[in-house]
Amino acid sequence: MTEVERLRAASSRSGLSARNRFAGTVSKVEIDGLLAQVEIVVEPTRVIALVTREAIDELGLKPGMAATALVKSTSVMVER
């Protein structure tokens, strides 16, 4: 089974339909009240997400651990 097939199978089992997945390493977690900012280094770039503090606690996210950013969007704008 290829990596893509494995990820799609995992999505089906979890009920998630997001197909854009970026595996990386958590480099920063900043909690501010009920929200948190998580930075995941996905070589050669990084993904920054705003999530709930509850999500941070549930996932146990900490700098240095492996994580995958799942991205689902109906529109992506690129600016130069």
PDB file of N, CA and C in Angstrom:
ATOM      1  N   MET A   1       0.860  -1.181   0.000  1.00  0.00           N
ATOM      2  CA  MET A   1       0.000   0.000   0.000  1.00  0.00           C
ATOM      3  C   MET A   1       0.902   1.239   0.000  1.00  0.00           C
ATOM      4  N   THR A   2       0.607   2.163  -0.896  1.00  0.00           N
ATOM      5  CA  THR A   2       1.394   3.395  -0.952  1.00  0.00           C
ATOM      6  C   THR A   2       1.015   4.308   0.202  1.00  0.00           C
ATOM      7  N   GLU A   3       1.830   5.331   0.436  1.00  0.00           N
ATOM      8  CA  GLU A   3       1.562   6.302   1.500  1.00  0.00           C
ATOM      9  C   GLU A   3       0.233   7.011   1.258  1.00  0.00           C
ATOM     10  N   VAL A   4      -0.042   7.381   0.022  1.00  0.00           N
ATOM     11  CA  VAL A   4      -1.306   8.059  -0.309  1.00  0.00           C
ATOM     12  C   VAL A   4      -2.489   7.138  -0.025  1.00  0.00           C
ATOM     13  N   GLU A   5      -2.391   5.878  -0.408  1.00  0.00           N
ATOM     14  CA  GLU A   5      -3.474   4.925  -0.153  1.00  0.00           C
ATOM     15  C   GLU A   5      -3.683   4.735   1.348  1.00  0.00           C
ATOM     16  N   ARG A   6      -2.571   4.681   2.097  1.00  0.00           N
ATOM     17  CA  ARG A   6      -2.656   4.527   3.549  1.00  0.00           C
ATOM     18  C   ARG A   6      -3.372   5.717   4.190  1.00  0.00           C
ATOM     19  N   LEU A   7      -3.015   6.937   3.739  1.00  0.00           N
ATOM     20  CA  LEU A   7      -3.640   8.138   4.293  1.00  0.00           C
ATOM     21  C   LEU A   7      -5.120   8.214   3.941  1.00  0.00           C
ATOM     22  N   ARG A   8      -5.470   7.840   2.719  1.00  0.00           N
ATOM     23  CA  ARG A   8      -6.891   7.853   2.325  1.00  0.00           C
ATOM     24  C   ARG A   8      -7.690   6.837   3.124  1.00  0.00           C
ATOM     25  N   ALA A   9      -7.106   5.683   3.363  1.00  0.00           N
ATOM     26  CA  ALA A   9      -7.788   4.670   4.167  1.00  0.00           C
ATOM     27  C   ALA A   9      -7.998   5.178   5.591  1.00  0.00           C
ATOM     28  N   ALA A  10      -6.995   5.845   6.141  1.00  0.00           N
ATOM     29  CA  ALA A  10      -7.113   6.407   7.489  1.00  0.00           C
ATOM     30  C   ALA A  10      -8.209   7.463   7.532  1.00  0.00           C
ATOM     31  N   SER A  11      -8.311   8.280   6.471  1.00  0.00           N
ATOM     32  CA  SER A  11      -9.350   9.307   6.405  1.00  0.00           C
ATOM     33  C   SER A  11     -10.728   8.676   6.404  1.00  0.00           C
ATOM     34  N   SER A  12     -10.889   7.611   5.646  1.00  0.00           N
ATOM     35  CA  SER A  12     -12.182   6.929   5.561  1.00  0.00           C
ATOM     36  C   SER A  12     -12.590   6.384   6.921  1.00  0.00           C
ATOM     37  N   ARG A  13     -11.640   5.792   7.618  1.00  0.00           N
ATOM     38  CA  ARG A  13     -11.941   5.214   8.936  1.00  0.00           C
ATOM     39  C   ARG A  13     -12.296   6.296   9.947  1.00  0.00           C
ATOM     40  N   SER A  14     -11.647   7.449   9.845  1.00  0.00           N
ATOM     41  CA  SER A  14     -11.881   8.511  10.827  1.00  0.00           C
ATOM     42  C   SER A  14     -13.047   9.415  10.459  1.00  0.00           C
ATOM     43  N   GLY A  15     -13.595   9.251   9.255  1.00  0.00           N
ATOM     44  CA  GLY A  15     -14.706  10.076   8.818  1.00  0.00           C
ATOM     45  C   GLY A  15     -14.286  11.446   8.312  1.00  0.00           C
ATOM     46  N   LEU A  16     -12.988  11.657   8.074  1.00  0.00           N
ATOM     47  CA  LEU A  16     -12.489  12.940   7.576  1.00  0.00           C
ATOM     48  C   LEU A  16     -12.417  12.913   6.059  1.00  0.00           C
ATOM     49  N   SER A  17     -12.761  14.037   5.438  1.00  0.00           N
ATOM     50  CA  SER A  17     -12.701  14.091   3.979  1.00  0.00           C
ATOM     51  C   SER A  17     -11.559  14.961   3.467  1.00  0.00           C
ATOM     52  N   ALA A  18     -10.773  15.539   4.368  1.00  0.00           N
ATOM     53  CA  ALA A  18      -9.642  16.374   3.947  1.00  0.00           C
ATOM     54  C   ALA A  18      -8.586  15.490   3.290  1.00  0.00           C
ATOM     55  N   ARG A  19      -8.183  15.856   2.076  1.00  0.00           N
ATOM     56  CA  ARG A  19      -7.196  15.049   1.357  1.00  0.00           C
ATOM     57  C   ARG A  19      -5.823  15.697   1.323  1.00  0.00           C
ATOM     58  N   ASN A  20      -5.739  16.959   1.692  1.00  0.00           N
ATOM     59  CA  ASN A  20      -4.447  17.650   1.704  1.00  0.00           C
ATOM     60  C   ASN A  20      -3.816  17.453   3.069  1.00  0.00           C
ATOM     61  N   ARG A  21      -2.744  16.653   3.095  1.00  0.00           N
ATOM     62  CA  ARG A  21      -2.098  16.300   4.351  1.00  0.00           C
ATOM     63  C   ARG A  21      -0.622  16.642   4.255  1.00  0.00           C
ATOM     64  N   PHE A  22      -0.123  17.294   5.283  1.00  0.00           N
ATOM     65  CA  PHE A  22       1.270  17.712   5.314  1.00  0.00           C
ATOM     66  C   PHE A  22       1.894  17.229   6.616  1.00  0.00           C
ATOM     67  N   ALA A  23       2.707  16.178   6.514  1.00  0.00           N
ATOM     68  CA  ALA A  23       3.349  15.608   7.691  1.00  0.00           C
ATOM     69  C   ALA A  23       4.588  16.417   8.038  1.00  0.00           C
ATOM     70  N   GLY A  24       4.771  16.658   9.316  1.00  0.00           N
ATOM     71  CA  GLY A  24       5.925  17.438   9.752  1.00  0.00           C
ATOM     72  C   GLY A  24       6.160  17.294  11.236  1.00  0.00           C
ATOM     73  N   THR A  25       6.820  18.295  11.799  1.00  0.00           N
ATOM     74  CA  THR A  25       7.161  18.305  13.217  1.00  0.00           C
ATOM     75  C   THR A  25       6.664  19.596  13.855  1.00  0.00           C
ATOM     76  N   VAL A  26       5.998  19.476  14.989  1.00  0.00           N
ATOM     77  CA  VAL A  26       5.521  20.655  15.715  1.00  0.00           C
ATOM     78  C   VAL A  26       6.737  21.440  16.193  1.00  0.00           C
ATOM     79  N   SER A  27       6.788  22.721  15.829  1.00  0.00           N
ATOM     80  CA  SER A  27       7.913  23.551  16.265  1.00  0.00           C
ATOM     81  C   SER A  27       7.506  24.559  17.338  1.00  0.00           C
ATOM     82  N   LYS A  28       6.209  24.864  17.396  1.00  0.00           N
ATOM     83  CA  LYS A  28       5.773  25.872  18.364  1.00  0.00           C
ATOM     84  C   LYS A  28       4.294  25.679  18.690  1.00  0.00           C
ATOM     85  N   VAL A  29       3.953  25.846  19.951  1.00  0.00           N
ATOM     86  CA  VAL A  29       2.562  25.842  20.408  1.00  0.00           C
ATOM     87  C   VAL A  29       2.409  27.040  21.332  1.00  0.00           C
ATOM     88  N   GLU A  30       1.567  27.990  20.953  1.00  0.00           N
ATOM     89  CA  GLU A  30       1.319  29.174  21.781  1.00  0.00           C
ATOM     90  C   GLU A  30      -0.152  29.197  22.167  1.00  0.00           C
ATOM     91  N   ILE A  31      -0.421  29.077  23.455  1.00  0.00           N
ATOM     92  CA  ILE A  31      -1.797  29.059  23.951  1.00  0.00           C
ATOM     93  C   ILE A  31      -2.149  30.431  24.489  1.00  0.00           C
ATOM     94  N   ASP A  32      -3.329  30.924  24.087  1.00  0.00           N
ATOM     95  CA  ASP A  32      -3.817  32.222  24.540  1.00  0.00           C
ATOM     96  C   ASP A  32      -5.302  32.089  24.835  1.00  0.00           C
ATOM     97  N   GLY A  33      -5.623  31.839  26.073  1.00  0.00           N
ATOM     98  CA  GLY A  33      -7.021  31.665  26.449  1.00  0.00           C
ATOM     99  C   GLY A  33      -7.577  30.375  25.884  1.00  0.00           C
ATOM    100  N   LEU A  34      -8.699  30.498  25.150  1.00  0.00           N
ATOM    101  CA  LEU A  34      -9.352  29.319  24.579  1.00  0.00           C
ATOM    102  C   LEU A  34      -8.775  28.901  23.234  1.00  0.00           C
ATOM    103  N   LEU A  35      -7.914  29.748  22.650  1.00  0.00           N
ATOM    104  CA  LEU A  35      -7.323  29.443  21.345  1.00  0.00           C
ATOM    105  C   LEU A  35      -5.837  29.187  21.463  1.00  0.00           C
ATOM    106  N   ALA A  36      -5.303  28.543  20.421  1.00  0.00           N
ATOM    107  CA  ALA A  36      -3.867  28.276  20.380  1.00  0.00           C
ATOM    108  C   ALA A  36      -3.389  28.360  18.940  1.00  0.00           C
ATOM    109  N   GLN A  37      -2.115  28.685  18.788  1.00  0.00           N
ATOM    110  CA  GLN A  37      -1.480  28.714  17.472  1.00  0.00           C
ATOM    111  C   GLN A  37      -0.451  27.585  17.451  1.00  0.00           C
ATOM    112  N   VAL A  38      -0.537  26.744  16.426  1.00  0.00           N
ATOM    113  CA  VAL A  38       0.381  25.617  16.287  1.00  0.00           C
ATOM    114  C   VAL A  38       1.171  25.810  15.005  1.00  0.00           C
ATOM    115  N   GLU A  39       2.474  25.668  15.100  1.00  0.00           N
ATOM    116  CA  GLU A  39       3.337  25.761  13.920  1.00  0.00           C
ATOM    117  C   GLU A  39       3.935  24.386  13.671  1.00  0.00           C
ATOM    118  N   ILE A  40       3.762  23.878  12.439  1.00  0.00           N
ATOM    119  CA  ILE A  40       4.308  22.583  12.049  1.00  0.00           C
ATOM    120  C   ILE A  40       5.291  22.821  10.913  1.00  0.00           C
ATOM    121  N   VAL A  41       6.524  22.388  11.103  1.00  0.00           N
ATOM    122  CA  VAL A  41       7.526  22.513  10.047  1.00  0.00           C
ATOM    123  C   VAL A  41       7.321  21.361   9.077  1.00  0.00           C
ATOM    124  N   VAL A  42       7.028  21.729   7.835  1.00  0.00           N
ATOM    125  CA  VAL A  42       6.851  20.772   6.747  1.00  0.00           C
ATOM    126  C   VAL A  42       7.889  21.174   5.710  1.00  0.00           C
ATOM    127  N   GLU A  43       9.030  20.511   5.751  1.00  0.00           N
ATOM    128  CA  GLU A  43      10.149  20.924   4.893  1.00  0.00           C
ATOM    129  C   GLU A  43       9.722  21.063   3.442  1.00  0.00           C
ATOM    130  N   PRO A  44      10.036  22.157   2.799  1.00  0.00           N
ATOM    131  CA  PRO A  44      10.929  23.232   3.203  1.00  0.00           C
ATOM    132  C   PRO A  44      10.187  24.442   3.772  1.00  0.00           C
ATOM    133  N   THR A  45       8.983  24.271   4.254  1.00  0.00           N
ATOM    134  CA  THR A  45       8.196  25.410   4.732  1.00  0.00           C
ATOM    135  C   THR A  45       7.550  25.067   6.068  1.00  0.00           C
ATOM    136  N   ARG A  46       6.541  25.831   6.447  1.00  0.00           N
ATOM    137  CA  ARG A  46       5.824  25.569   7.694  1.00  0.00           C
ATOM    138  C   ARG A  46       4.349  25.860   7.501  1.00  0.00           C
ATOM    139  N   VAL A  47       3.542  25.238   8.326  1.00  0.00           N
ATOM    140  CA  VAL A  47       2.094  25.444   8.330  1.00  0.00           C
ATOM    141  C   VAL A  47       1.747  25.970   9.711  1.00  0.00           C
ATOM    142  N   ILE A  48       0.971  27.040   9.755  1.00  0.00           N
ATOM    143  CA  ILE A  48       0.539  27.609  11.028  1.00  0.00           C
ATOM    144  C   ILE A  48      -0.986  27.527  11.078  1.00  0.00           C
ATOM    145  N   ALA A  49      -1.497  26.997  12.180  1.00  0.00           N
ATOM    146  CA  ALA A  49      -2.944  26.830  12.319  1.00  0.00           C
ATOM    147  C   ALA A  49      -3.423  27.405  13.640  1.00  0.00           C
ATOM    148  N   LEU A  50      -4.612  27.987  13.623  1.00  0.00           N
ATOM    149  CA  LEU A  50      -5.288  28.409  14.839  1.00  0.00           C
ATOM    150  C   LEU A  50      -6.283  27.320  15.203  1.00  0.00           C
ATOM    151  N   VAL A  51      -6.156  26.807  16.411  1.00  0.00           N
ATOM    152  CA  VAL A  51      -7.022  25.729  16.878  1.00  0.00           C
ATOM    153  C   VAL A  51      -7.483  26.054  18.289  1.00  0.00           C
ATOM    154  N   THR A  52      -8.393  25.247  18.809  1.00  0.00           N
ATOM    155  CA  THR A  52      -8.837  25.462  20.187  1.00  0.00           C
ATOM    156  C   THR A  52      -7.823  24.889  21.165  1.00  0.00           C
ATOM    157  N   ARG A  53      -7.841  25.427  22.350  1.00  0.00           N
ATOM    158  CA  ARG A  53      -6.969  24.891  23.413  1.00  0.00           C
ATOM    159  C   ARG A  53      -7.353  23.445  23.700  1.00  0.00           C
ATOM    160  N   GLU A  54      -8.643  23.155  23.605  1.00  0.00           N
ATOM    161  CA  GLU A  54      -9.129  21.792  23.821  1.00  0.00           C
ATOM    162  C   GLU A  54      -8.479  20.814  22.835  1.00  0.00           C
ATOM    163  N   ALA A  55      -8.316  21.243  21.573  1.00  0.00           N
ATOM    164  CA  ALA A  55      -7.672  20.386  20.568  1.00  0.00           C
ATOM    165  C   ALA A  55      -6.217  20.121  20.944  1.00  0.00           C
ATOM    166  N   ILE A  56      -5.529  21.138  21.442  1.00  0.00           N
ATOM    167  CA  ILE A  56      -4.136  20.978  21.871  1.00  0.00           C
ATOM    168  C   ILE A  56      -4.062  19.944  22.989  1.00  0.00           C
ATOM    169  N   ASP A  57      -4.966  20.061  23.950  1.00  0.00           N
ATOM    170  CA  ASP A  57      -4.985  19.129  25.080  1.00  0.00           C
ATOM    171  C   ASP A  57      -5.314  17.706  24.628  1.00  0.00           C
ATOM    172  N   GLU A  58      -6.324  17.559  23.757  1.00  0.00           N
ATOM    173  CA  GLU A  58      -6.728  16.235  23.270  1.00  0.00           C
ATOM    174  C   GLU A  58      -5.607  15.553  22.499  1.00  0.00           C
ATOM    175  N   LEU A  59      -4.927  16.310  21.643  1.00  0.00           N
ATOM    176  CA  LEU A  59      -3.868  15.744  20.812  1.00  0.00           C
ATOM    177  C   LEU A  59      -2.531  15.670  21.539  1.00  0.00           C
ATOM    178  N   GLY A  60      -2.418  16.391  22.646  1.00  0.00           N
ATOM    179  CA  GLY A  60      -1.170  16.398  23.398  1.00  0.00           C
ATOM    180  C   GLY A  60      -0.021  17.015  22.619  1.00  0.00           C
ATOM    181  N   LEU A  61      -0.332  18.038  21.813  1.00  0.00           N
ATOM    182  CA  LEU A  61       0.691  18.635  20.952  1.00  0.00           C
ATOM    183  C   LEU A  61       1.749  19.372  21.750  1.00  0.00           C
ATOM    184  N   LYS A  62       3.006  19.050  21.423  1.00  0.00           N
ATOM    185  CA  LYS A  62       4.152  19.692  22.062  1.00  0.00           C
ATOM    186  C   LYS A  62       5.258  19.831  21.025  1.00  0.00           C
ATOM    187  N   PRO A  63       6.091  20.862  21.146  1.00  0.00           N
ATOM    188  CA  PRO A  63       7.207  21.020  20.215  1.00  0.00           C
ATOM    189  C   PRO A  63       8.068  19.755  20.160  1.00  0.00           C
ATOM    190  N   GLY A  64       8.468  19.405  18.936  1.00  0.00           N
ATOM    191  CA  GLY A  64       9.317  18.240  18.727  1.00  0.00           C
ATOM    192  C   GLY A  64       8.581  16.980  18.330  1.00  0.00           C
ATOM    193  N   MET A  65       7.281  16.950  18.517  1.00  0.00           N
ATOM    194  CA  MET A  65       6.549  15.735  18.169  1.00  0.00           C
ATOM    195  C   MET A  65       6.068  15.773  16.722  1.00  0.00           C
ATOM    196  N   ALA A  66       5.893  14.604  16.134  1.00  0.00           N
ATOM    197  CA  ALA A  66       5.396  14.490  14.763  1.00  0.00           C
ATOM    198  C   ALA A  66       3.909  14.815  14.745  1.00  0.00           C
ATOM    199  N   ALA A  67       3.470  15.488  13.680  1.00  0.00           N
ATOM    200  CA  ALA A  67       2.054  15.820  13.509  1.00  0.00           C
ATOM    201  C   ALA A  67       1.768  15.986  12.031  1.00  0.00           C
ATOM    202  N   THR A  68       0.525  15.850  11.659  1.00  0.00           N
ATOM    203  CA  THR A  68       0.104  16.029  10.273  1.00  0.00           C
ATOM    204  C   THR A  68      -0.957  17.109  10.221  1.00  0.00           C
ATOM    205  N   ALA A  69      -0.746  18.106   9.359  1.00  0.00           N
ATOM    206  CA  ALA A  69      -1.737  19.161   9.148  1.00  0.00           C
ATOM    207  C   ALA A  69      -2.689  18.682   8.061  1.00  0.00           C
ATOM    208  N   LEU A  70      -3.967  18.639   8.355  1.00  0.00           N
ATOM    209  CA  LEU A  70      -4.980  18.291   7.371  1.00  0.00           C
ATOM    210  C   LEU A  70      -5.643  19.579   6.923  1.00  0.00           C
ATOM    211  N   VAL A  71      -5.660  19.812   5.621  1.00  0.00           N
ATOM    212  CA  VAL A  71      -6.180  21.070   5.093  1.00  0.00           C
ATOM    213  C   VAL A  71      -7.342  20.772   4.160  1.00  0.00           C
ATOM    214  N   LYS A  72      -8.469  21.417   4.440  1.00  0.00           N
ATOM    215  CA  LYS A  72      -9.637  21.293   3.570  1.00  0.00           C
ATOM    216  C   LYS A  72     -10.126  22.706   3.294  1.00  0.00           C
ATOM    217  N   SER A  73     -10.196  23.045   2.034  1.00  0.00           N
ATOM    218  CA  SER A  73     -10.584  24.397   1.679  1.00  0.00           C
ATOM    219  C   SER A  73     -11.359  24.400   0.375  1.00  0.00           C
ATOM    220  N   THR A  74     -12.341  25.264   0.301  1.00  0.00           N
ATOM    221  CA  THR A  74     -13.076  25.409  -0.955  1.00  0.00           C
ATOM    222  C   THR A  74     -12.443  26.464  -1.834  1.00  0.00           C
ATOM    223  N   SER A  75     -11.542  27.259  -1.256  1.00  0.00           N
ATOM    224  CA  SER A  75     -10.896  28.315  -2.025  1.00  0.00           C
ATOM    225  C   SER A  75      -9.526  28.601  -1.459  1.00  0.00           C
ATOM    226  N   VAL A  76      -8.555  28.689  -2.325  1.00  0.00           N
ATOM    227  CA  VAL A  76      -7.202  29.063  -1.920  1.00  0.00           C
ATOM    228  C   VAL A  76      -6.778  30.217  -2.797  1.00  0.00           C
ATOM    229  N   MET A  77      -6.335  31.287  -2.177  1.00  0.00           N
ATOM    230  CA  MET A  77      -5.890  32.462  -2.932  1.00  0.00           C
ATOM    231  C   MET A  77      -4.379  32.571  -2.836  1.00  0.00           C
ATOM    232  N   VAL A  78      -3.753  32.853  -3.950  1.00  0.00           N
ATOM    233  CA  VAL A  78      -2.307  33.027  -3.984  1.00  0.00           C
ATOM    234  C   VAL A  78      -2.027  34.457  -4.395  1.00  0.00           C
ATOM    235  N   GLU A  79      -1.120  35.086  -3.679  1.00  0.00           N
ATOM    236  CA  GLU A  79      -0.783  36.469  -3.935  1.00  0.00           C
ATOM    237  C   GLU A  79       0.698  36.602  -4.159  1.00  0.00           C
ATOM    238  N   ARG A  80       1.057  37.480  -5.054  1.00  0.00           N
ATOM    239  CA  ARG A  80       2.476  37.704  -5.308  1.00  0.00           C
ATOM    240  C   ARG A  80       2.842  39.126  -5.036  1.00  0.00           C
TER     241      ARG A  80
END
